[in-house]
């Protein structure tokens, strides 16, 4: 596994180095040693799978307030997604900046999203599956959402939104008083 830093501090991309032969391929999805070398000291507390059927489906932007902040380690098992992380960390030099990577079953990339970031994605084709490793269990009382098209963030989604939950569609814009989260 090769760890690459991305433009937002703490956001990282892991490139897998699969073993490929005539039968197919074998790859490592989780390695505690690799995550520790990438600066992730907390153990994995929860593993989630997301399945989205429609091309253009949008999920997010979601995050957890303290004390339930989590690091997410996200990979795409089927299809391809435009995966977005937004820096919400109070005092960060990249506060409210966003970065996106295309994650796909073909490129086998893994996005490491640190505590204090919002996360969302849009499917680039049908029947996409994501696997999430999370360092904290989901806590509804600490859940935060941002509207996917909040002008204060300005994400350029690649496709028209074809499917979105009511909660995500009606999530609020950032309040002018929002000063960020302190993970």
N, C-alpha and C. Protein backbone atom coordinates (compact mmCIF):
# COMPACT_ATOMS: atom_id res chain seq x y z
N UNK A 1 0.84 -1.18 0.00
CA UNK A 1 0.00 0.00 0.00
C UNK A 1 0.89 1.24 0.00
N UNK A 2 0.55 2.18 -0.86
CA UNK A 2 1.29 3.43 -0.97
C UNK A 2 0.40 4.55 -0.46
N UNK A 3 0.88 5.33 0.50
CA UNK A 3 0.10 6.42 1.10
C UNK A 3 0.54 7.73 0.48
N UNK A 4 -0.43 8.48 -0.05
CA UNK A 4 -0.15 9.76 -0.70
C UNK A 4 -0.92 10.88 0.02
N UNK A 5 -0.21 11.94 0.45
CA UNK A 5 -0.92 13.08 1.03
C UNK A 5 -1.68 13.82 -0.05
N UNK A 6 -2.79 14.42 0.32
CA UNK A 6 -3.61 15.20 -0.60
C UNK A 6 -3.58 16.68 -0.19
N UNK A 7 -4.15 17.58 -0.97
CA UNK A 7 -4.02 19.02 -0.70
C UNK A 7 -4.57 19.50 0.65
N UNK A 8 -5.53 18.80 1.24
CA UNK A 8 -6.06 19.20 2.54
C UNK A 8 -5.33 18.41 3.62
N UNK A 9 -4.74 19.13 4.58
CA UNK A 9 -3.91 18.48 5.59
C UNK A 9 -4.64 17.35 6.29
N UNK A 10 -3.99 16.18 6.33
CA UNK A 10 -4.56 15.01 6.97
C UNK A 10 -5.34 14.11 6.03
N UNK A 11 -5.80 14.63 4.93
CA UNK A 11 -6.52 13.83 3.94
C UNK A 11 -5.50 13.04 3.14
N UNK A 12 -5.72 11.72 3.02
CA UNK A 12 -4.74 10.88 2.35
C UNK A 12 -5.41 9.91 1.38
N UNK A 13 -4.64 9.52 0.39
CA UNK A 13 -5.08 8.52 -0.57
C UNK A 13 -4.16 7.33 -0.44
N UNK A 14 -4.75 6.15 -0.33
CA UNK A 14 -3.96 4.92 -0.29
C UNK A 14 -4.13 4.21 -1.62
N UNK A 15 -3.00 3.97 -2.27
CA UNK A 15 -3.01 3.22 -3.53
C UNK A 15 -2.65 1.77 -3.19
N UNK A 16 -3.51 0.88 -3.58
CA UNK A 16 -3.25 -0.53 -3.33
C UNK A 16 -2.26 -1.09 -4.35
N UNK A 17 -1.58 -2.11 -3.95
CA UNK A 17 -0.65 -2.83 -4.82
C UNK A 17 -1.12 -4.28 -4.88
N UNK A 18 -2.13 -4.54 -5.73
CA UNK A 18 -2.72 -5.88 -5.74
C UNK A 18 -1.77 -6.93 -6.34
N UNK A 19 -1.99 -8.16 -5.90
CA UNK A 19 -1.33 -9.30 -6.52
C UNK A 19 -2.26 -9.78 -7.64
N UNK A 20 -1.76 -9.77 -8.85
CA UNK A 20 -2.58 -10.12 -10.01
C UNK A 20 -1.97 -11.34 -10.70
N UNK A 21 -2.81 -12.31 -11.00
CA UNK A 21 -2.38 -13.45 -11.82
C UNK A 21 -3.54 -13.88 -12.70
N UNK A 22 -3.43 -15.03 -13.34
CA UNK A 22 -4.44 -15.47 -14.30
C UNK A 22 -5.81 -15.70 -13.65
N UNK A 23 -5.87 -15.87 -12.35
CA UNK A 23 -7.13 -16.11 -11.65
C UNK A 23 -7.89 -14.83 -11.36
N UNK A 24 -7.16 -13.71 -11.30
CA UNK A 24 -7.77 -12.44 -10.92
C UNK A 24 -6.80 -11.63 -10.08
N UNK A 25 -7.29 -11.06 -8.99
CA UNK A 25 -6.41 -10.25 -8.15
C UNK A 25 -6.73 -10.45 -6.68
N UNK A 26 -5.75 -10.15 -5.87
CA UNK A 26 -5.87 -10.18 -4.42
C UNK A 26 -5.33 -8.86 -3.91
N UNK A 27 -6.09 -8.22 -3.01
CA UNK A 27 -5.61 -6.95 -2.45
C UNK A 27 -5.96 -6.86 -0.98
N UNK A 28 -5.18 -6.08 -0.27
CA UNK A 28 -5.38 -5.86 1.15
C UNK A 28 -6.25 -4.61 1.31
N UNK A 29 -7.37 -4.74 2.00
CA UNK A 29 -8.26 -3.60 2.24
C UNK A 29 -7.99 -2.93 3.58
N UNK A 30 -7.39 -3.67 4.49
CA UNK A 30 -7.13 -3.13 5.82
C UNK A 30 -5.82 -3.70 6.33
N UNK A 31 -4.98 -2.81 6.85
CA UNK A 31 -3.75 -3.22 7.49
C UNK A 31 -3.47 -2.23 8.62
N UNK A 32 -3.58 -2.68 9.84
CA UNK A 32 -3.40 -1.80 11.01
C UNK A 32 -2.06 -1.08 10.94
N UNK A 33 -1.01 -1.80 10.58
CA UNK A 33 0.33 -1.21 10.50
C UNK A 33 0.38 -0.06 9.49
N UNK A 34 -0.26 -0.24 8.34
CA UNK A 34 -0.30 0.82 7.33
C UNK A 34 -1.05 2.04 7.84
N UNK A 35 -2.18 1.81 8.51
CA UNK A 35 -2.96 2.93 9.02
C UNK A 35 -2.21 3.69 10.11
N UNK A 36 -1.51 2.99 10.96
CA UNK A 36 -0.72 3.66 11.99
C UNK A 36 0.37 4.50 11.34
N UNK A 37 1.01 3.98 10.29
CA UNK A 37 2.04 4.76 9.60
C UNK A 37 1.43 5.96 8.87
N UNK A 38 0.12 5.91 8.60
CA UNK A 38 -0.58 7.04 7.97
C UNK A 38 -1.11 8.01 9.01
N UNK A 39 -0.83 7.74 10.30
CA UNK A 39 -1.24 8.65 11.36
C UNK A 39 -2.58 8.34 11.99
N UNK A 40 -3.13 7.17 11.73
CA UNK A 40 -4.42 6.79 12.30
C UNK A 40 -4.16 5.85 13.47
N UNK A 41 -4.27 6.40 14.67
CA UNK A 41 -3.94 5.62 15.86
C UNK A 41 -5.16 4.91 16.45
N UNK A 42 -6.35 5.44 16.20
CA UNK A 42 -7.55 4.85 16.79
C UNK A 42 -7.91 3.55 16.07
N UNK A 43 -8.43 2.57 16.82
CA UNK A 43 -8.85 1.32 16.18
C UNK A 43 -10.16 1.51 15.41
N UNK A 44 -10.42 0.59 14.52
CA UNK A 44 -11.68 0.59 13.76
C UNK A 44 -12.80 0.18 14.70
N UNK A 45 -13.87 1.00 14.75
CA UNK A 45 -14.99 0.74 15.65
C UNK A 45 -16.23 0.25 14.91
N UNK A 46 -16.30 0.55 13.60
CA UNK A 46 -17.51 0.20 12.85
C UNK A 46 -17.14 0.04 11.38
N UNK A 47 -17.79 -0.91 10.71
CA UNK A 47 -17.61 -1.12 9.28
C UNK A 47 -18.99 -1.02 8.63
N UNK A 48 -19.10 -0.19 7.57
CA UNK A 48 -20.38 0.04 6.90
C UNK A 48 -20.24 -0.24 5.41
N UNK A 49 -21.35 -0.58 4.79
CA UNK A 49 -21.42 -0.75 3.35
C UNK A 49 -22.56 0.10 2.82
N UNK A 50 -22.31 0.79 1.72
CA UNK A 50 -23.33 1.60 1.06
C UNK A 50 -23.54 1.04 -0.33
N UNK A 51 -24.79 0.85 -0.72
CA UNK A 51 -25.14 0.40 -2.06
C UNK A 51 -26.07 1.45 -2.67
N UNK A 52 -25.70 1.96 -3.82
CA UNK A 52 -26.50 2.98 -4.53
C UNK A 52 -26.77 2.48 -5.93
N UNK A 53 -28.04 2.48 -6.33
CA UNK A 53 -28.42 1.88 -7.60
C UNK A 53 -28.34 2.83 -8.80
N UNK A 54 -28.70 4.09 -8.62
CA UNK A 54 -28.84 5.00 -9.75
C UNK A 54 -27.54 5.76 -10.05
N UNK A 55 -27.27 5.97 -11.32
CA UNK A 55 -26.20 6.88 -11.73
C UNK A 55 -26.60 8.29 -11.31
N UNK A 56 -25.68 9.03 -10.72
CA UNK A 56 -25.97 10.38 -10.27
C UNK A 56 -26.53 10.46 -8.86
N UNK A 57 -26.64 9.32 -8.18
CA UNK A 57 -27.11 9.31 -6.80
C UNK A 57 -26.10 10.07 -5.94
N UNK A 58 -26.60 10.92 -5.06
CA UNK A 58 -25.73 11.71 -4.20
C UNK A 58 -26.06 11.40 -2.74
N UNK A 59 -25.02 11.12 -1.97
CA UNK A 59 -25.15 10.89 -0.52
C UNK A 59 -24.20 11.83 0.20
N UNK A 60 -24.75 12.56 1.15
CA UNK A 60 -23.91 13.46 1.95
C UNK A 60 -24.34 14.89 1.76
N UNK A 61 -23.72 15.71 2.45
CA UNK A 61 -22.43 15.67 3.13
C UNK A 61 -22.66 15.44 4.63
N UNK A 62 -22.01 14.44 5.20
CA UNK A 62 -22.22 14.04 6.58
C UNK A 62 -20.94 14.17 7.38
N UNK A 63 -21.11 14.44 8.69
CA UNK A 63 -19.98 14.46 9.62
C UNK A 63 -20.53 14.24 11.02
N UNK A 64 -19.62 14.04 11.98
CA UNK A 64 -19.98 13.86 13.38
C UNK A 64 -19.32 14.97 14.21
N UNK A 65 -20.10 15.59 15.10
CA UNK A 65 -19.56 16.56 16.05
C UNK A 65 -18.86 15.82 17.19
N UNK A 66 -17.93 16.51 17.87
CA UNK A 66 -17.32 15.91 19.07
C UNK A 66 -18.41 15.61 20.10
N UNK A 67 -18.27 14.59 20.87
CA UNK A 67 -17.12 13.71 21.01
C UNK A 67 -17.17 12.49 20.08
N UNK A 68 -18.02 12.52 19.06
CA UNK A 68 -18.19 11.36 18.18
C UNK A 68 -17.46 11.50 16.85
N UNK A 69 -16.52 12.44 16.74
CA UNK A 69 -15.78 12.60 15.47
C UNK A 69 -15.14 11.28 15.07
N UNK A 70 -15.06 11.05 13.78
CA UNK A 70 -14.54 9.79 13.28
C UNK A 70 -13.64 10.01 12.08
N UNK A 71 -12.67 9.14 11.95
CA UNK A 71 -11.92 9.03 10.71
C UNK A 71 -12.64 7.99 9.88
N UNK A 72 -12.82 8.27 8.58
CA UNK A 72 -13.44 7.31 7.67
C UNK A 72 -12.39 6.86 6.67
N UNK A 73 -12.37 5.57 6.41
CA UNK A 73 -11.48 4.98 5.41
C UNK A 73 -12.42 4.35 4.39
N UNK A 74 -12.46 4.93 3.18
CA UNK A 74 -13.51 4.61 2.21
C UNK A 74 -12.89 4.02 0.95
N UNK A 75 -13.47 2.92 0.48
CA UNK A 75 -13.07 2.35 -0.81
C UNK A 75 -14.31 1.90 -1.57
N UNK A 76 -14.19 1.85 -2.89
CA UNK A 76 -15.30 1.48 -3.75
C UNK A 76 -15.10 0.02 -4.19
N UNK A 77 -16.09 -0.81 -3.91
CA UNK A 77 -16.01 -2.23 -4.26
C UNK A 77 -16.66 -2.56 -5.60
N UNK A 78 -17.61 -1.72 -6.02
CA UNK A 78 -18.29 -1.92 -7.31
C UNK A 78 -18.65 -0.57 -7.88
N UNK A 79 -18.42 -0.39 -9.19
CA UNK A 79 -18.75 0.86 -9.84
C UNK A 79 -17.69 1.92 -9.62
N UNK A 80 -18.13 3.19 -9.65
CA UNK A 80 -17.21 4.33 -9.47
C UNK A 80 -17.98 5.49 -8.86
N UNK A 81 -17.30 6.24 -7.99
CA UNK A 81 -17.91 7.40 -7.34
C UNK A 81 -16.96 8.59 -7.35
N UNK A 82 -17.54 9.77 -7.31
CA UNK A 82 -16.84 11.03 -7.11
C UNK A 82 -16.94 11.27 -5.61
N UNK A 83 -15.86 11.05 -4.88
CA UNK A 83 -15.86 11.06 -3.43
C UNK A 83 -15.28 12.37 -2.92
N UNK A 84 -16.02 13.06 -2.04
CA UNK A 84 -15.67 14.42 -1.61
C UNK A 84 -15.46 14.49 -0.11
N UNK A 85 -14.41 15.21 0.29
CA UNK A 85 -14.15 15.53 1.69
C UNK A 85 -14.08 17.05 1.83
N UNK A 86 -14.73 17.59 2.87
CA UNK A 86 -14.75 19.02 3.14
C UNK A 86 -14.15 19.26 4.53
N UNK A 87 -13.14 20.11 4.60
CA UNK A 87 -12.46 20.40 5.85
C UNK A 87 -13.33 21.34 6.70
N UNK A 88 -13.78 20.84 7.85
CA UNK A 88 -14.60 21.63 8.77
C UNK A 88 -13.84 21.92 10.08
N UNK A 89 -12.55 21.66 10.11
CA UNK A 89 -11.78 21.80 11.35
C UNK A 89 -11.54 23.26 11.69
N UNK A 90 -11.96 23.62 12.87
CA UNK A 90 -11.77 24.98 13.38
C UNK A 90 -10.28 25.33 13.38
N UNK A 91 -9.95 26.47 12.78
CA UNK A 91 -8.57 26.94 12.75
C UNK A 91 -7.71 26.35 11.65
N UNK A 92 -8.25 25.43 10.85
CA UNK A 92 -7.48 24.81 9.77
C UNK A 92 -7.20 25.83 8.66
N UNK A 93 -6.01 25.74 8.08
CA UNK A 93 -5.67 26.65 6.97
C UNK A 93 -6.49 26.34 5.72
N UNK A 94 -7.13 25.16 5.67
CA UNK A 94 -7.97 24.80 4.52
C UNK A 94 -9.45 24.67 4.94
N UNK A 95 -9.84 25.40 5.98
CA UNK A 95 -11.22 25.40 6.47
C UNK A 95 -12.19 25.73 5.33
N UNK A 96 -13.19 24.87 5.16
CA UNK A 96 -14.24 24.93 4.14
C UNK A 96 -13.74 24.66 2.72
N UNK A 97 -12.51 24.23 2.56
CA UNK A 97 -12.04 23.77 1.25
C UNK A 97 -12.47 22.32 1.08
N UNK A 98 -12.63 21.93 -0.17
CA UNK A 98 -13.01 20.55 -0.47
C UNK A 98 -12.03 19.93 -1.44
N UNK A 99 -11.99 18.61 -1.42
CA UNK A 99 -11.16 17.85 -2.35
C UNK A 99 -11.94 16.60 -2.74
N UNK A 100 -11.82 16.20 -4.00
CA UNK A 100 -12.52 15.01 -4.48
C UNK A 100 -11.55 14.07 -5.18
N UNK A 101 -11.84 12.80 -5.07
CA UNK A 101 -11.12 11.74 -5.77
C UNK A 101 -12.14 10.81 -6.40
N UNK A 102 -11.81 10.26 -7.54
CA UNK A 102 -12.63 9.21 -8.12
C UNK A 102 -12.16 7.89 -7.51
N UNK A 103 -13.07 7.23 -6.84
CA UNK A 103 -12.80 5.90 -6.29
C UNK A 103 -13.59 4.90 -7.14
N UNK A 104 -12.94 3.82 -7.52
CA UNK A 104 -13.64 2.83 -8.34
C UNK A 104 -13.14 1.43 -8.00
N UNK A 105 -13.93 0.45 -8.42
CA UNK A 105 -13.51 -0.93 -8.26
C UNK A 105 -12.24 -1.18 -9.08
N UNK A 106 -12.09 -0.47 -10.17
CA UNK A 106 -10.92 -0.65 -11.04
C UNK A 106 -9.65 -0.03 -10.46
N UNK A 107 -9.74 1.22 -9.97
CA UNK A 107 -8.50 1.86 -9.48
C UNK A 107 -8.16 1.46 -8.05
N UNK A 108 -9.10 0.88 -7.32
CA UNK A 108 -8.87 0.32 -5.99
C UNK A 108 -8.31 1.32 -4.99
N UNK A 109 -8.54 2.61 -5.21
CA UNK A 109 -8.03 3.63 -4.29
C UNK A 109 -8.85 3.63 -2.99
N UNK A 110 -8.18 4.07 -1.92
CA UNK A 110 -8.80 4.18 -0.61
C UNK A 110 -8.58 5.62 -0.14
N UNK A 111 -9.67 6.29 0.24
CA UNK A 111 -9.58 7.66 0.74
C UNK A 111 -9.65 7.62 2.26
N UNK A 112 -8.67 8.26 2.90
CA UNK A 112 -8.65 8.37 4.36
C UNK A 112 -9.10 9.78 4.72
N UNK A 113 -10.26 9.88 5.35
CA UNK A 113 -10.88 11.17 5.67
C UNK A 113 -10.77 11.38 7.17
N UNK A 114 -9.98 12.37 7.60
CA UNK A 114 -9.75 12.55 9.03
C UNK A 114 -10.95 13.09 9.80
N UNK A 115 -10.86 13.02 11.12
CA UNK A 115 -11.85 13.63 11.99
C UNK A 115 -11.97 15.12 11.64
N UNK A 116 -13.19 15.63 11.71
CA UNK A 116 -13.41 17.05 11.44
C UNK A 116 -13.70 17.36 9.99
N UNK A 117 -13.87 16.34 9.17
CA UNK A 117 -14.22 16.53 7.76
C UNK A 117 -15.64 16.05 7.53
N UNK A 118 -16.35 16.70 6.60
CA UNK A 118 -17.62 16.19 6.09
C UNK A 118 -17.31 15.31 4.88
N UNK A 119 -18.18 14.36 4.62
CA UNK A 119 -17.96 13.41 3.53
C UNK A 119 -19.24 13.21 2.74
N UNK A 120 -19.10 13.10 1.44
CA UNK A 120 -20.21 12.77 0.57
C UNK A 120 -19.69 12.22 -0.74
N UNK A 121 -20.59 11.65 -1.52
CA UNK A 121 -20.16 11.13 -2.83
C UNK A 121 -21.32 11.14 -3.80
N UNK A 122 -20.96 11.08 -5.09
CA UNK A 122 -21.94 10.94 -6.17
C UNK A 122 -21.52 9.75 -7.02
N UNK A 123 -22.49 8.90 -7.34
CA UNK A 123 -22.20 7.73 -8.16
C UNK A 123 -22.00 8.15 -9.62
N UNK A 124 -21.02 7.55 -10.26
CA UNK A 124 -20.70 7.85 -11.66
C UNK A 124 -21.27 6.81 -12.61
N UNK A 125 -21.92 5.81 -12.07
CA UNK A 125 -22.55 4.75 -12.85
C UNK A 125 -23.53 4.02 -11.95
N UNK A 126 -24.20 3.01 -12.46
CA UNK A 126 -25.19 2.29 -11.65
C UNK A 126 -24.53 1.29 -10.70
N UNK A 127 -25.27 0.93 -9.68
CA UNK A 127 -24.93 -0.16 -8.77
C UNK A 127 -23.54 -0.03 -8.15
N UNK A 128 -23.33 1.06 -7.44
CA UNK A 128 -22.06 1.32 -6.76
C UNK A 128 -22.12 0.83 -5.32
N UNK A 129 -20.99 0.29 -4.86
CA UNK A 129 -20.89 -0.16 -3.48
C UNK A 129 -19.64 0.43 -2.85
N UNK A 130 -19.82 1.04 -1.68
CA UNK A 130 -18.70 1.57 -0.92
C UNK A 130 -18.57 0.81 0.38
N UNK A 131 -17.33 0.65 0.82
CA UNK A 131 -17.03 0.05 2.12
C UNK A 131 -16.37 1.13 2.96
N UNK A 132 -16.88 1.34 4.17
CA UNK A 132 -16.35 2.35 5.10
C UNK A 132 -15.80 1.65 6.33
N UNK A 133 -14.60 1.98 6.72
CA UNK A 133 -14.08 1.62 8.03
C UNK A 133 -14.08 2.91 8.84
N UNK A 134 -14.66 2.87 10.03
CA UNK A 134 -14.82 4.09 10.83
C UNK A 134 -14.20 3.90 12.21
N UNK A 135 -13.56 4.95 12.72
CA UNK A 135 -12.91 4.86 14.02
C UNK A 135 -13.84 5.18 15.18
N UNK A 136 -15.10 5.49 14.91
CA UNK A 136 -16.10 5.71 15.96
C UNK A 136 -17.43 5.17 15.47
N UNK A 137 -18.23 4.71 16.40
CA UNK A 137 -19.56 4.25 16.04
C UNK A 137 -20.44 5.46 15.75
N UNK A 138 -21.39 5.28 14.85
CA UNK A 138 -22.33 6.34 14.50
C UNK A 138 -23.12 6.73 15.75
N UNK A 139 -23.25 8.04 15.97
CA UNK A 139 -24.01 8.56 17.10
C UNK A 139 -24.98 9.62 16.56
N UNK A 140 -26.25 9.25 16.45
CA UNK A 140 -27.25 10.14 15.86
C UNK A 140 -27.28 11.52 16.51
N UNK A 141 -27.10 11.57 17.83
CA UNK A 141 -27.18 12.85 18.53
C UNK A 141 -26.02 13.80 18.20
N UNK A 142 -24.96 13.29 17.55
CA UNK A 142 -23.82 14.12 17.16
C UNK A 142 -23.69 14.27 15.65
N UNK A 143 -24.71 13.84 14.92
CA UNK A 143 -24.68 13.89 13.47
C UNK A 143 -24.78 15.32 12.95
N UNK A 144 -23.98 15.62 11.94
CA UNK A 144 -24.07 16.89 11.25
C UNK A 144 -24.23 16.66 9.76
N UNK A 145 -24.91 17.59 9.11
CA UNK A 145 -25.11 17.53 7.66
C UNK A 145 -24.90 18.90 7.06
N UNK A 146 -24.38 18.92 5.86
CA UNK A 146 -24.27 20.14 5.07
C UNK A 146 -25.01 19.91 3.77
N UNK A 147 -25.59 20.95 3.24
CA UNK A 147 -26.28 20.81 1.95
C UNK A 147 -25.24 20.60 0.85
N UNK A 148 -25.50 19.66 -0.02
CA UNK A 148 -24.56 19.25 -1.07
C UNK A 148 -24.18 20.40 -2.00
N UNK A 149 -25.08 21.38 -2.16
CA UNK A 149 -24.80 22.49 -3.07
C UNK A 149 -24.71 23.83 -2.34
N UNK A 150 -24.26 23.79 -1.10
CA UNK A 150 -24.08 25.01 -0.31
C UNK A 150 -23.08 25.91 -1.02
N UNK A 151 -23.47 27.14 -1.36
CA UNK A 151 -22.56 28.03 -2.10
C UNK A 151 -21.30 28.40 -1.31
N UNK A 152 -21.34 28.30 0.03
CA UNK A 152 -20.15 28.60 0.82
C UNK A 152 -19.05 27.57 0.61
N UNK A 153 -19.43 26.38 0.13
CA UNK A 153 -18.45 25.32 -0.13
C UNK A 153 -18.14 25.24 -1.63
N UNK A 154 -19.17 25.28 -2.47
CA UNK A 154 -18.98 25.35 -3.91
C UNK A 154 -18.47 24.09 -4.58
N UNK A 155 -18.97 22.94 -4.17
CA UNK A 155 -18.54 21.68 -4.80
C UNK A 155 -19.09 21.61 -6.22
N UNK A 156 -18.26 21.20 -7.15
CA UNK A 156 -18.64 21.02 -8.55
C UNK A 156 -18.89 19.52 -8.79
N UNK A 157 -20.13 19.09 -8.58
CA UNK A 157 -20.49 17.68 -8.78
C UNK A 157 -20.46 17.38 -10.27
N UNK A 158 -19.98 16.21 -10.68
CA UNK A 158 -19.80 15.94 -12.11
C UNK A 158 -21.09 15.66 -12.89
N UNK A 159 -22.16 15.24 -12.20
CA UNK A 159 -23.40 14.86 -12.88
C UNK A 159 -24.58 15.58 -12.24
N UNK A 160 -25.68 15.72 -12.98
CA UNK A 160 -26.90 16.20 -12.33
C UNK A 160 -27.30 15.20 -11.23
N UNK A 161 -27.89 15.71 -10.17
CA UNK A 161 -28.32 14.83 -9.07
C UNK A 161 -29.57 14.07 -9.50
N UNK A 162 -29.45 12.74 -9.57
CA UNK A 162 -30.56 11.89 -10.02
C UNK A 162 -31.35 11.32 -8.84
N UNK A 163 -30.71 11.18 -7.70
CA UNK A 163 -31.35 10.57 -6.54
C UNK A 163 -30.65 11.10 -5.30
N UNK A 164 -31.44 11.55 -4.31
CA UNK A 164 -30.89 12.07 -3.06
C UNK A 164 -31.96 11.92 -1.99
N UNK A 165 -31.55 11.63 -0.78
CA UNK A 165 -32.53 11.49 0.30
C UNK A 165 -33.10 12.85 0.66
N UNK A 166 -34.28 12.84 1.25
CA UNK A 166 -34.90 14.08 1.70
C UNK A 166 -34.02 14.78 2.74
N UNK A 167 -33.43 14.03 3.65
CA UNK A 167 -32.56 14.62 4.67
C UNK A 167 -31.36 15.33 4.04
N UNK A 168 -30.75 14.71 3.04
CA UNK A 168 -29.59 15.33 2.39
C UNK A 168 -30.02 16.52 1.52
N UNK A 169 -31.14 16.39 0.84
CA UNK A 169 -31.62 17.47 -0.03
C UNK A 169 -31.97 18.72 0.77
N UNK A 170 -32.49 18.54 1.97
CA UNK A 170 -32.93 19.67 2.78
C UNK A 170 -31.95 20.04 3.89
N UNK A 171 -30.76 19.49 3.87
CA UNK A 171 -29.75 19.86 4.88
C UNK A 171 -29.50 21.36 4.80
N UNK A 172 -29.16 21.97 5.91
CA UNK A 172 -28.99 23.43 5.90
C UNK A 172 -27.67 23.86 5.26
N UNK A 173 -27.69 25.10 4.78
CA UNK A 173 -26.43 25.75 4.42
C UNK A 173 -25.69 26.06 5.71
N UNK A 174 -24.39 26.27 5.58
CA UNK A 174 -23.61 26.67 6.75
C UNK A 174 -24.11 28.02 7.27
N UNK A 175 -24.26 28.12 8.56
CA UNK A 175 -24.63 29.39 9.17
C UNK A 175 -23.42 30.32 9.13
N UNK A 176 -23.62 31.61 8.95
CA UNK A 176 -22.49 32.55 8.96
C UNK A 176 -21.67 32.46 10.25
N UNK A 177 -22.30 32.01 11.34
CA UNK A 177 -21.61 31.91 12.62
C UNK A 177 -20.81 30.61 12.78
N UNK A 178 -20.89 29.70 11.81
CA UNK A 178 -20.20 28.40 11.93
C UNK A 178 -18.68 28.63 11.94
N UNK A 179 -18.04 28.20 13.02
CA UNK A 179 -16.59 28.39 13.13
C UNK A 179 -15.84 27.07 13.03
N UNK A 180 -16.54 26.00 12.76
CA UNK A 180 -15.90 24.71 12.57
C UNK A 180 -16.05 23.79 13.76
N UNK A 181 -15.51 22.60 13.60
CA UNK A 181 -15.52 21.61 14.67
C UNK A 181 -14.09 21.43 15.17
N UNK A 182 -13.97 21.10 16.43
CA UNK A 182 -12.66 20.82 17.01
C UNK A 182 -12.64 19.33 17.33
N UNK A 183 -12.05 18.51 16.45
CA UNK A 183 -12.05 17.05 16.66
C UNK A 183 -11.33 16.66 17.95
